[in-house]
Every structure is written in structure tokens, then in C-alpha cells.
Amino acid sequence: MKQEPNTTRLILPMLLLLVLLAGWSYYHMVNIKRSTIHTSIELSDCLRLAAEIKTMERDPQRAQSDILAHTDLTRRIEGAAGSVNISSDSLNRIDALPPRPVSKLPYEEHATRISMDQVTLPQIVGFLHRLSDQTQDLTVKELKLTAPRGEEVGNDWQVDATLSYFIYKPVETD
């Protein structure tokens, strides 16, 4: 009868070890499965982005192919300003800048400078948001906010912004 307790003493630690080993194996398997799922999602994102890059390389004319007429852009700017209650008196200047080539790429950057006075921050954000909704390829290249002279505390700001868009301009070969 003395042999029975000895085998029980050996079997219980072995069972405990087996349970611990099974638990660790399961935990490790779950972590590997999560990692595999995460990696497959990243791979599908990479493949999608690579396909988009290939499409852009084949069809670079996603950038605007026509110059946005200054009058049309001015109308859009004035419309976006009016939609957020920026008065026409606050719009001081809308100047088209000369086009610039974009390094060695077949694109040209067209920029427009805007100057406004007595505009609140919510109006500025709303104006830029509405303008970007109306003109998809138009981006804010530069934004400068200054407090009006003589006012240290207030809600009104002076705004100088430069908006730009790109035109696809293929290199002419003779």
C-alpha cells in the first residue's frame, strides 16, 4: 500500500505540468493567430496601396489637367466665404500667383494668395473646409493668422493664406 501514495505524488505534479504546458501552448497559439491576422491585414493594405501607385503611374492626369480660371476660383472663394458669414468687406485680396514648375516632374503648381480681416477662428476653419469640399484638388499651402493691431484680446483675426493646386503638364518632346 505504500506504493500507491508515491505514484499519486508523481502523477499530480505531472498532471499539473501538462495543464500548464497546454495552457502556455494555447496562449502562444492565440498570439500567433492574432499576429497572422494583423499581418494579413497589413499585407492587403500594402497591395491596395501598390495598386493605387501603379494606377497613378499609368494615369498621372489625376491632377487637374486644366487651369482653374481666376474668375472661377474667385467665385468659389467668395462663395465659401459667404457660406460661413464672412462679409465681402473682410475679403481684402485674392491674387493669383505665377505658375511654378514642380522640380523635375511633369506638373505645374498654381497658387492663389488670399487676405482677410476681422474673421473668427470658426469662420476660418469653416471657410477652408467648404473651399476644399468645392474644389477637390485645392490645398492650403500656407496659413498665417495675426491679431489685428491694437487688439491684444479678441476673437477677430487677420488671415493670409496661400491656396494651391497642381496641373498635369507633360514634358514636350520634339
Protein backbone atom coordinates (compact mmCIF):
# COMPACT_ATOMS: atom_id res chain seq x y z
CA MET A 1 0.00 0.00 0.00
CA LYS A 2 2.92 2.34 0.34
CA GLN A 3 3.40 2.41 -3.43
CA GLU A 4 0.01 3.99 -4.05
CA PRO A 5 0.80 7.34 -2.37
CA ASN A 6 4.16 7.58 -4.21
CA THR A 7 2.53 7.18 -7.62
CA THR A 8 -0.12 9.73 -6.65
CA ARG A 9 2.63 12.12 -5.64
CA LEU A 10 4.25 11.68 -9.06
CA ILE A 11 1.03 11.81 -11.10
CA LEU A 12 -0.31 15.06 -9.61
CA PRO A 13 2.79 17.18 -10.47
CA MET A 14 2.88 15.58 -13.93
CA LEU A 15 -0.79 16.47 -14.49
CA LEU A 16 -0.14 19.99 -13.26
CA LEU A 17 2.82 20.30 -15.62
CA LEU A 18 0.72 19.01 -18.53
CA VAL A 19 -2.07 21.50 -17.75
CA LEU A 20 0.45 24.36 -17.57
CA LEU A 21 2.07 23.24 -20.83
CA ALA A 22 -1.33 23.01 -22.54
CA GLY A 23 -2.27 26.50 -21.26
CA TRP A 24 1.02 28.00 -22.46
CA SER A 25 0.63 26.30 -25.86
CA TYR A 26 -2.90 27.65 -26.24
CA TYR A 27 -1.80 31.17 -25.25
CA HIS A 28 1.11 31.02 -27.72
CA MET A 29 -1.19 29.74 -30.50
CA VAL A 30 -3.71 32.56 -29.92
CA ASN A 31 -0.94 35.19 -30.06
CA ILE A 32 0.43 33.74 -33.31
CA LYS A 33 -3.09 33.71 -34.78
CA ARG A 34 -3.59 37.40 -33.85
CA SER A 35 -0.23 38.28 -35.32
CA THR A 36 -1.06 36.42 -38.53
CA ILE A 37 -4.39 38.21 -38.89
CA HIS A 38 -2.73 41.59 -38.27
CA THR A 39 0.00 40.80 -40.80
CA SER A 40 -2.53 39.72 -43.44
CA ILE A 41 -4.48 42.97 -42.97
CA GLU A 42 -1.26 44.97 -43.38
CA LEU A 43 -0.36 42.94 -46.48
CA SER A 44 -3.76 43.63 -48.07
CA ASP A 45 -3.33 47.36 -47.31
CA CYS A 46 0.13 47.30 -48.90
CA LEU A 47 -1.18 45.52 -52.00
CA ARG A 48 -4.05 48.01 -52.32
CA LEU A 49 -1.67 50.97 -52.00
CA ALA A 50 0.74 49.41 -54.51
CA ALA A 51 -2.14 49.02 -56.97
CA GLU A 52 -3.10 52.68 -56.46
CA ILE A 53 0.50 53.74 -57.10
CA LYS A 54 0.60 51.66 -60.31
CA THR A 55 -2.67 53.28 -61.43
CA MET A 56 -1.30 56.75 -60.74
CA GLU A 57 1.87 55.95 -62.66
CA ARG A 58 -0.15 54.82 -65.67
CA ASP A 59 -2.64 57.70 -65.47
CA PRO A 60 -0.92 60.75 -63.97
CA GLN A 61 -3.73 63.03 -65.11
CA ARG A 62 -5.50 62.71 -61.78
CA ALA A 63 -4.07 66.14 -61.08
CA GLN A 64 -6.16 68.81 -62.76
CA SER A 65 -5.48 68.99 -66.45
CA ASP A 66 -6.99 72.44 -66.93
CA ILE A 67 -6.06 75.69 -65.33
CA LEU A 68 -8.75 76.83 -62.93
CA ALA A 69 -9.80 80.23 -64.27
CA HIS A 70 -9.04 83.03 -61.80
CA THR A 71 -12.64 84.24 -62.03
CA ASP A 72 -13.96 80.75 -61.28
CA LEU A 73 -11.60 80.35 -58.32
CA THR A 74 -12.54 83.83 -57.06
CA ARG A 75 -16.22 82.90 -57.30
CA ARG A 76 -15.58 79.71 -55.31
CA ILE A 77 -13.60 81.62 -52.67
CA GLU A 78 -16.33 84.24 -52.32
CA GLY A 79 -19.00 81.51 -52.16
CA ALA A 80 -17.13 79.61 -49.43
CA ALA A 81 -16.63 82.86 -47.50
CA GLY A 82 -20.32 83.76 -47.78
CA SER A 83 -21.39 80.29 -46.62
CA VAL A 84 -19.68 80.87 -43.24
CA ASN A 85 -20.83 84.51 -42.91
CA ILE A 86 -17.55 86.17 -43.83
CA SER A 87 -18.56 89.53 -45.25
CA SER A 88 -17.28 90.68 -48.63
CA ASP A 89 -15.64 93.63 -46.81
CA SER A 90 -13.47 91.14 -44.90
CA LEU A 91 -12.07 89.67 -48.13
CA ASN A 92 -9.28 92.14 -48.91
CA ARG A 93 -7.34 90.43 -51.64
CA ILE A 94 -7.44 87.41 -53.95
CA ASP A 95 -4.29 87.32 -56.08
CA ALA A 96 -3.25 84.60 -58.50
CA LEU A 97 0.48 83.93 -58.35
CA PRO A 98 2.50 82.93 -61.41
CA PRO A 99 2.64 79.16 -62.02
CA ARG A 100 5.75 77.29 -60.87
CA PRO A 101 7.13 74.02 -62.22
CA VAL A 102 7.35 71.18 -59.67
CA SER A 103 11.03 70.10 -59.66
CA LYS A 104 11.61 67.52 -62.40
CA LEU A 105 8.03 66.29 -62.51
CA PRO A 106 5.50 66.96 -65.30
CA TYR A 107 3.40 69.18 -63.03
CA GLU A 108 2.92 72.88 -62.51
CA GLU A 109 1.79 74.46 -59.25
CA HIS A 110 -0.78 77.25 -59.42
CA ALA A 111 -1.13 79.28 -56.24
CA THR A 112 -3.56 81.98 -55.10
CA ARG A 113 -2.99 84.30 -52.16
CA ILE A 114 -5.97 85.37 -50.03
CA SER A 115 -6.06 88.11 -47.41
CA MET A 116 -8.96 88.61 -44.96
CA ASP A 117 -9.61 90.82 -41.93
CA GLN A 118 -11.93 90.52 -38.92
CA VAL A 119 -12.52 86.78 -39.21
CA THR A 120 -13.12 84.39 -36.30
CA LEU A 121 -11.38 81.04 -35.97
CA PRO A 122 -14.61 79.05 -36.59
CA GLN A 123 -15.17 81.11 -39.75
CA ILE A 124 -11.61 80.42 -40.94
CA VAL A 125 -11.93 76.68 -40.39
CA GLY A 126 -15.39 76.58 -41.96
CA PHE A 127 -14.21 78.64 -44.94
CA LEU A 128 -11.22 76.37 -45.62
CA HIS A 129 -13.36 73.26 -45.17
CA ARG A 130 -16.06 74.48 -47.57
CA LEU A 131 -13.46 75.55 -50.10
CA SER A 132 -11.75 72.15 -50.02
CA ASP A 133 -15.16 70.47 -50.45
CA GLN A 134 -15.94 72.62 -53.51
CA THR A 135 -12.53 72.30 -55.14
CA GLN A 136 -11.18 68.83 -54.52
CA ASP A 137 -7.56 69.41 -55.58
CA LEU A 138 -7.16 72.77 -53.85
CA THR A 139 -4.94 72.64 -50.77
CA VAL A 140 -3.86 75.18 -48.17
CA LYS A 141 -0.16 75.64 -48.73
CA GLU A 142 0.37 78.40 -46.20
CA LEU A 143 -1.76 79.91 -43.44
CA LYS A 144 -0.81 82.90 -41.33
CA LEU A 145 -3.06 84.24 -38.56
CA THR A 146 -2.30 87.51 -36.80
CA ALA A 147 -4.21 89.54 -34.24
CA PRO A 148 -5.26 92.96 -35.52
CA ARG A 149 -3.02 95.83 -34.40
CA GLY A 150 -4.04 97.38 -31.13
CA GLU A 151 -6.04 94.31 -30.07
CA GLU A 152 -4.40 92.00 -27.62
CA VAL A 153 -7.54 90.07 -26.75
CA GLY A 154 -10.33 89.41 -29.20
CA ASN A 155 -11.98 86.91 -31.49
CA ASP A 156 -11.12 88.55 -34.80
CA TRP A 157 -8.03 87.63 -36.78
CA GLN A 158 -6.23 88.77 -39.89
CA VAL A 159 -5.70 85.86 -42.29
CA ASP A 160 -3.14 85.46 -45.04
CA ALA A 161 -3.44 82.14 -46.84
CA THR A 162 -1.94 80.63 -49.94
CA LEU A 163 -4.01 78.01 -51.74
CA SER A 164 -2.55 75.86 -54.49
CA TYR A 165 -3.40 73.12 -56.95
CA PHE A 166 -1.37 71.15 -59.48
CA ILE A 167 -1.78 70.95 -63.23
CA TYR A 168 -0.50 67.99 -65.23
CA LYS A 169 1.83 69.47 -67.80
CA PRO A 170 3.56 66.74 -69.82
CA VAL A 171 7.07 67.43 -70.98
CA GLU A 172 7.03 68.40 -74.63
CA THR A 173 9.34 66.31 -76.75
CA ASP A 174 10.36 67.49 -80.19
